[in-house]
Amino acid sequence: VQLVESGGGLVQPGGSLRLSCVASGFTFSSYAMNWYRQAPGKERELVAAVSSAGGRTYYADSVKGRFTISRDNAKNTVYLQMNSLKPEDTAVYYCNAGSNYRKMGDYWGQGTQVTVSS
């Protein structure tokens, strides 16, 4: 099993980034997918989730209206479009796969750093 994130980087406040997570080694279309983030000194938190077929999505209140999660089961890829970024969005973002929607799964990516700073 492998989850590989990409798309992180340094962006100014108000800017946008698109994270991608490519999955391999399991039946991607059967798994719910999550994006978590962890800032220094803070616990890892669920940012967004999408059901296996993509019909249901969840967002943390802190990102609602600014972030969009989506998936392409033909490409084994889940995305996180992040707009209107704020300094408090700075964190390592992790892709996570699990059997149940909105539940932390067993499979993790290595993480990608997002830094929002002027």
N, C-alpha and C. Protein backbone atom coordinates (compact mmCIF):
# COMPACT_ATOMS: atom_id res chain seq x y z
N VAL A 1 0.85 -1.20 0.00
CA VAL A 1 0.00 0.00 0.00
C VAL A 1 0.88 1.24 0.00
N GLN A 2 0.51 2.18 -0.83
CA GLN A 2 1.28 3.42 -0.90
C GLN A 2 0.34 4.59 -1.19
N LEU A 3 0.55 5.67 -0.43
CA LEU A 3 -0.14 6.93 -0.66
C LEU A 3 0.94 8.00 -0.80
N VAL A 4 0.94 8.70 -1.92
CA VAL A 4 1.98 9.69 -2.19
C VAL A 4 1.33 11.05 -2.42
N GLU A 5 1.60 11.97 -1.48
CA GLU A 5 1.06 13.32 -1.60
C GLU A 5 2.02 14.21 -2.37
N SER A 6 1.45 15.24 -2.98
CA SER A 6 2.24 16.27 -3.64
C SER A 6 1.42 17.55 -3.68
N GLY A 7 2.11 18.65 -4.02
CA GLY A 7 1.41 19.91 -4.20
C GLY A 7 1.58 20.93 -3.09
N GLY A 8 2.25 20.54 -2.00
CA GLY A 8 2.47 21.49 -0.94
C GLY A 8 3.50 22.54 -1.32
N GLY A 9 3.66 23.53 -0.44
CA GLY A 9 4.65 24.57 -0.70
C GLY A 9 4.39 25.80 0.12
N LEU A 10 5.06 26.87 -0.27
CA LEU A 10 4.93 28.16 0.40
C LEU A 10 4.00 29.05 -0.43
N VAL A 11 3.01 29.63 0.23
CA VAL A 11 2.05 30.49 -0.47
C VAL A 11 1.72 31.67 0.42
N GLN A 12 1.40 32.79 -0.18
CA GLN A 12 1.03 33.98 0.58
C GLN A 12 -0.41 33.86 1.07
N PRO A 13 -0.74 34.54 2.15
CA PRO A 13 -2.14 34.56 2.61
C PRO A 13 -3.06 35.00 1.48
N GLY A 14 -4.20 34.31 1.39
CA GLY A 14 -5.14 34.57 0.31
C GLY A 14 -4.89 33.75 -0.93
N GLY A 15 -3.78 33.06 -0.99
CA GLY A 15 -3.44 32.26 -2.15
C GLY A 15 -4.10 30.89 -2.15
N SER A 16 -3.74 30.10 -3.16
CA SER A 16 -4.34 28.78 -3.35
C SER A 16 -3.27 27.73 -3.59
N LEU A 17 -3.60 26.51 -3.20
CA LEU A 17 -2.78 25.34 -3.50
C LEU A 17 -3.72 24.17 -3.77
N ARG A 18 -3.23 23.22 -4.57
CA ARG A 18 -3.98 22.00 -4.80
C ARG A 18 -3.10 20.82 -4.43
N LEU A 19 -3.53 20.08 -3.43
CA LEU A 19 -2.82 18.87 -3.02
C LEU A 19 -3.38 17.67 -3.77
N SER A 20 -2.49 16.74 -4.10
CA SER A 20 -2.89 15.49 -4.73
C SER A 20 -2.34 14.33 -3.92
N CYS A 21 -3.05 13.22 -3.96
CA CYS A 21 -2.60 12.00 -3.29
C CYS A 21 -2.90 10.83 -4.22
N VAL A 22 -1.83 10.20 -4.69
CA VAL A 22 -1.98 9.05 -5.58
C VAL A 22 -1.84 7.77 -4.78
N ALA A 23 -2.80 6.87 -4.94
CA ALA A 23 -2.84 5.63 -4.17
C ALA A 23 -2.47 4.43 -5.03
N SER A 24 -1.88 3.44 -4.39
CA SER A 24 -1.59 2.19 -5.07
C SER A 24 -1.54 1.07 -4.05
N GLY A 25 -1.75 -0.16 -4.53
CA GLY A 25 -1.63 -1.32 -3.65
C GLY A 25 -2.91 -1.75 -2.96
N PHE A 26 -4.00 -1.06 -3.23
CA PHE A 26 -5.30 -1.46 -2.68
C PHE A 26 -6.39 -0.98 -3.64
N THR A 27 -7.60 -1.44 -3.41
CA THR A 27 -8.72 -1.07 -4.29
C THR A 27 -9.23 0.30 -3.90
N PHE A 28 -8.66 1.33 -4.52
CA PHE A 28 -8.92 2.72 -4.15
C PHE A 28 -10.40 3.04 -4.12
N SER A 29 -11.14 2.57 -5.09
CA SER A 29 -12.56 2.93 -5.20
C SER A 29 -13.41 2.35 -4.09
N SER A 30 -12.86 1.45 -3.28
CA SER A 30 -13.59 0.86 -2.16
C SER A 30 -13.32 1.56 -0.84
N TYR A 31 -12.44 2.53 -0.86
CA TYR A 31 -12.01 3.19 0.37
C TYR A 31 -12.45 4.64 0.43
N ALA A 32 -12.90 5.03 1.62
CA ALA A 32 -13.09 6.45 1.90
C ALA A 32 -11.71 7.09 2.04
N MET A 33 -11.64 8.36 1.70
CA MET A 33 -10.36 9.07 1.76
C MET A 33 -10.49 10.32 2.62
N ASN A 34 -9.44 10.59 3.35
CA ASN A 34 -9.40 11.74 4.25
C ASN A 34 -8.15 12.57 4.02
N TRP A 35 -8.25 13.83 4.33
CA TRP A 35 -7.09 14.71 4.47
C TRP A 35 -7.03 15.15 5.92
N TYR A 36 -5.90 14.89 6.55
CA TYR A 36 -5.62 15.37 7.90
C TYR A 36 -4.50 16.40 7.82
N ARG A 37 -4.38 17.19 8.86
CA ARG A 37 -3.24 18.09 8.97
C ARG A 37 -2.76 18.13 10.41
N GLN A 38 -1.47 18.46 10.54
CA GLN A 38 -0.89 18.59 11.87
C GLN A 38 0.06 19.77 11.87
N ALA A 39 -0.26 20.73 12.72
CA ALA A 39 0.60 21.89 12.90
C ALA A 39 1.54 21.64 14.07
N PRO A 40 2.67 22.33 14.12
CA PRO A 40 3.63 22.13 15.22
C PRO A 40 2.97 22.32 16.58
N GLY A 41 3.15 21.34 17.46
CA GLY A 41 2.62 21.43 18.81
C GLY A 41 1.14 21.15 18.93
N LYS A 42 0.51 20.76 17.82
CA LYS A 42 -0.92 20.50 17.86
C LYS A 42 -1.21 19.06 17.44
N GLU A 43 -2.40 18.59 17.80
CA GLU A 43 -2.81 17.25 17.41
C GLU A 43 -3.21 17.22 15.93
N ARG A 44 -3.09 16.03 15.36
CA ARG A 44 -3.53 15.85 13.99
C ARG A 44 -5.05 15.98 13.93
N GLU A 45 -5.54 16.73 12.94
CA GLU A 45 -6.97 16.96 12.84
C GLU A 45 -7.49 16.62 11.46
N LEU A 46 -8.72 16.14 11.42
CA LEU A 46 -9.37 15.84 10.16
C LEU A 46 -9.81 17.15 9.50
N VAL A 47 -9.37 17.34 8.27
CA VAL A 47 -9.69 18.56 7.54
C VAL A 47 -10.87 18.32 6.59
N ALA A 48 -10.83 17.21 5.86
CA ALA A 48 -11.87 16.92 4.87
C ALA A 48 -11.91 15.42 4.63
N ALA A 49 -13.09 14.95 4.22
CA ALA A 49 -13.27 13.53 3.93
C ALA A 49 -14.20 13.37 2.74
N VAL A 50 -14.01 12.27 2.03
CA VAL A 50 -14.88 11.96 0.89
C VAL A 50 -15.18 10.46 0.92
N SER A 51 -16.41 10.10 0.62
CA SER A 51 -16.80 8.69 0.62
C SER A 51 -16.19 7.98 -0.58
N SER A 52 -16.30 6.67 -0.60
CA SER A 52 -15.62 5.88 -1.61
C SER A 52 -16.06 6.22 -3.04
N ALA A 53 -17.33 6.49 -3.22
CA ALA A 53 -17.83 6.83 -4.55
C ALA A 53 -17.81 8.33 -4.82
N GLY A 54 -17.51 9.10 -3.78
CA GLY A 54 -17.42 10.54 -3.94
C GLY A 54 -18.71 11.30 -3.69
N GLY A 55 -19.76 10.59 -3.30
CA GLY A 55 -21.05 11.25 -3.14
C GLY A 55 -21.22 12.03 -1.86
N ARG A 56 -20.43 11.74 -0.86
CA ARG A 56 -20.51 12.45 0.42
C ARG A 56 -19.17 13.10 0.72
N THR A 57 -19.23 14.33 1.23
CA THR A 57 -18.03 15.04 1.65
C THR A 57 -18.26 15.68 3.01
N TYR A 58 -17.15 15.85 3.71
CA TYR A 58 -17.16 16.47 5.04
C TYR A 58 -16.02 17.47 5.10
N TYR A 59 -16.26 18.60 5.82
CA TYR A 59 -15.22 19.60 6.03
C TYR A 59 -15.23 20.04 7.49
N ALA A 60 -14.06 20.24 8.02
CA ALA A 60 -13.95 20.87 9.32
C ALA A 60 -14.46 22.31 9.21
N ASP A 61 -15.02 22.80 10.29
CA ASP A 61 -15.57 24.16 10.27
C ASP A 61 -14.52 25.19 9.87
N SER A 62 -13.28 24.95 10.25
CA SER A 62 -12.21 25.92 10.00
C SER A 62 -11.87 26.07 8.52
N VAL A 63 -12.28 25.11 7.68
CA VAL A 63 -11.94 25.17 6.26
C VAL A 63 -13.16 25.22 5.36
N LYS A 64 -14.34 25.10 5.95
CA LYS A 64 -15.57 25.05 5.17
C LYS A 64 -15.72 26.31 4.32
N GLY A 65 -16.02 26.13 3.05
CA GLY A 65 -16.17 27.25 2.13
C GLY A 65 -14.87 27.66 1.47
N ARG A 66 -13.75 27.14 1.94
CA ARG A 66 -12.44 27.50 1.35
C ARG A 66 -11.75 26.28 0.71
N PHE A 67 -11.96 25.11 1.27
CA PHE A 67 -11.33 23.88 0.78
C PHE A 67 -12.37 23.01 0.09
N THR A 68 -11.91 22.27 -0.92
CA THR A 68 -12.77 21.32 -1.61
C THR A 68 -12.03 20.00 -1.79
N ILE A 69 -12.63 18.92 -1.32
CA ILE A 69 -12.06 17.59 -1.52
C ILE A 69 -12.77 16.93 -2.71
N SER A 70 -12.00 16.21 -3.52
CA SER A 70 -12.58 15.48 -4.64
C SER A 70 -11.71 14.27 -4.91
N ARG A 71 -12.24 13.36 -5.71
CA ARG A 71 -11.48 12.16 -6.04
C ARG A 71 -11.79 11.75 -7.47
N ASP A 72 -10.80 11.07 -8.06
CA ASP A 72 -10.93 10.51 -9.39
C ASP A 72 -10.58 9.03 -9.26
N ASN A 73 -11.59 8.18 -9.19
CA ASN A 73 -11.32 6.76 -8.97
C ASN A 73 -10.63 6.11 -10.17
N ALA A 74 -10.77 6.68 -11.33
CA ALA A 74 -10.08 6.14 -12.50
C ALA A 74 -8.58 6.39 -12.43
N LYS A 75 -8.19 7.42 -11.69
CA LYS A 75 -6.78 7.77 -11.55
C LYS A 75 -6.23 7.42 -10.17
N ASN A 76 -7.05 6.79 -9.33
CA ASN A 76 -6.61 6.45 -7.96
C ASN A 76 -6.05 7.66 -7.23
N THR A 77 -6.74 8.78 -7.37
CA THR A 77 -6.21 10.04 -6.83
C THR A 77 -7.30 10.80 -6.08
N VAL A 78 -6.90 11.38 -4.96
CA VAL A 78 -7.77 12.29 -4.21
C VAL A 78 -7.08 13.65 -4.16
N TYR A 79 -7.89 14.68 -4.21
CA TYR A 79 -7.38 16.05 -4.27
C TYR A 79 -7.92 16.87 -3.09
N LEU A 80 -7.17 17.92 -2.77
CA LEU A 80 -7.66 18.92 -1.83
C LEU A 80 -7.32 20.28 -2.42
N GLN A 81 -8.35 20.96 -2.91
CA GLN A 81 -8.19 22.32 -3.43
C GLN A 81 -8.34 23.28 -2.25
N MET A 82 -7.33 24.08 -2.03
CA MET A 82 -7.31 24.99 -0.89
C MET A 82 -7.24 26.42 -1.40
N ASN A 83 -8.26 27.19 -1.12
CA ASN A 83 -8.34 28.59 -1.54
C ASN A 83 -8.38 29.50 -0.32
N SER A 84 -8.13 30.76 -0.54
CA SER A 84 -8.17 31.77 0.54
C SER A 84 -7.38 31.29 1.75
N LEU A 85 -6.18 30.85 1.50
CA LEU A 85 -5.37 30.27 2.57
C LEU A 85 -4.99 31.31 3.62
N LYS A 86 -4.93 30.84 4.86
CA LYS A 86 -4.62 31.69 6.01
C LYS A 86 -3.36 31.15 6.69
N PRO A 87 -2.65 31.99 7.43
CA PRO A 87 -1.46 31.50 8.15
C PRO A 87 -1.78 30.31 9.05
N GLU A 88 -2.97 30.27 9.61
CA GLU A 88 -3.34 29.16 10.50
C GLU A 88 -3.57 27.84 9.75
N ASP A 89 -3.54 27.88 8.44
CA ASP A 89 -3.61 26.64 7.65
C ASP A 89 -2.23 25.98 7.52
N THR A 90 -1.20 26.64 7.98
CA THR A 90 0.15 26.08 7.93
C THR A 90 0.23 24.79 8.73
N ALA A 91 0.66 23.72 8.06
CA ALA A 91 0.71 22.40 8.69
C ALA A 91 1.29 21.41 7.69
N VAL A 92 1.57 20.22 8.20
CA VAL A 92 1.83 19.09 7.31
C VAL A 92 0.49 18.43 7.02
N TYR A 93 0.19 18.24 5.75
CA TYR A 93 -1.07 17.65 5.33
C TYR A 93 -0.83 16.19 4.93
N TYR A 94 -1.69 15.31 5.46
CA TYR A 94 -1.56 13.88 5.24
C TYR A 94 -2.81 13.32 4.55
N CYS A 95 -2.57 12.45 3.62
CA CYS A 95 -3.62 11.68 2.96
C CYS A 95 -3.83 10.39 3.77
N ASN A 96 -5.09 9.99 3.91
CA ASN A 96 -5.41 8.83 4.75
C ASN A 96 -6.53 8.04 4.09
N ALA A 97 -6.41 6.73 4.09
CA ALA A 97 -7.43 5.86 3.48
C ALA A 97 -7.99 4.91 4.52
N GLY A 98 -9.30 4.73 4.49
CA GLY A 98 -9.93 3.84 5.44
C GLY A 98 -11.21 3.23 4.90
N SER A 99 -11.72 2.28 5.65
CA SER A 99 -12.90 1.55 5.21
C SER A 99 -14.19 2.31 5.45
N ASN A 100 -14.18 3.21 6.41
CA ASN A 100 -15.41 3.90 6.81
C ASN A 100 -15.29 5.41 6.63
N TYR A 101 -16.34 5.98 6.09
CA TYR A 101 -16.39 7.43 5.83
C TYR A 101 -16.21 8.22 7.13
N ARG A 102 -15.30 9.21 7.08
CA ARG A 102 -15.01 10.12 8.19
C ARG A 102 -14.33 9.45 9.38
N LYS A 103 -13.90 8.23 9.17
CA LYS A 103 -13.14 7.55 10.23
C LYS A 103 -11.68 7.44 9.82
N MET A 104 -10.80 7.61 10.78
CA MET A 104 -9.38 7.48 10.50
C MET A 104 -9.08 6.06 10.03
N GLY A 105 -8.39 5.97 8.88
CA GLY A 105 -8.06 4.66 8.34
C GLY A 105 -6.65 4.25 8.68
N ASP A 106 -6.28 3.09 8.18
CA ASP A 106 -4.99 2.51 8.53
C ASP A 106 -3.85 2.96 7.62
N TYR A 107 -4.18 3.49 6.45
CA TYR A 107 -3.15 3.81 5.47
C TYR A 107 -2.88 5.31 5.45
N TRP A 108 -1.58 5.63 5.49
CA TRP A 108 -1.16 7.04 5.54
C TRP A 108 -0.11 7.34 4.48
N GLY A 109 -0.15 8.56 3.99
CA GLY A 109 0.93 9.06 3.16
C GLY A 109 2.02 9.65 4.03
N GLN A 110 3.07 10.14 3.38
CA GLN A 110 4.23 10.66 4.11
C GLN A 110 4.04 12.11 4.53
N GLY A 111 3.04 12.77 3.97
CA GLY A 111 2.77 14.15 4.32
C GLY A 111 3.41 15.14 3.36
N THR A 112 2.78 16.29 3.22
CA THR A 112 3.33 17.38 2.42
C THR A 112 3.15 18.69 3.20
N GLN A 113 4.21 19.48 3.23
CA GLN A 113 4.20 20.72 4.02
C GLN A 113 3.49 21.83 3.27
N VAL A 114 2.59 22.49 3.97
CA VAL A 114 1.93 23.70 3.46
C VAL A 114 2.27 24.83 4.41
N THR A 115 2.86 25.89 3.88
CA THR A 115 3.22 27.05 4.68
C THR A 115 2.58 28.28 4.07
N VAL A 116 1.79 28.97 4.89
CA VAL A 116 1.10 30.18 4.44
C VAL A 116 1.73 31.36 5.18
N SER A 117 2.45 32.17 4.44
CA SER A 117 3.19 33.26 5.06
C SER A 117 3.50 34.33 4.03
N SER A 118 3.54 35.57 4.50
CA SER A 118 3.93 36.66 3.62
C SER A 118 5.42 36.93 3.73
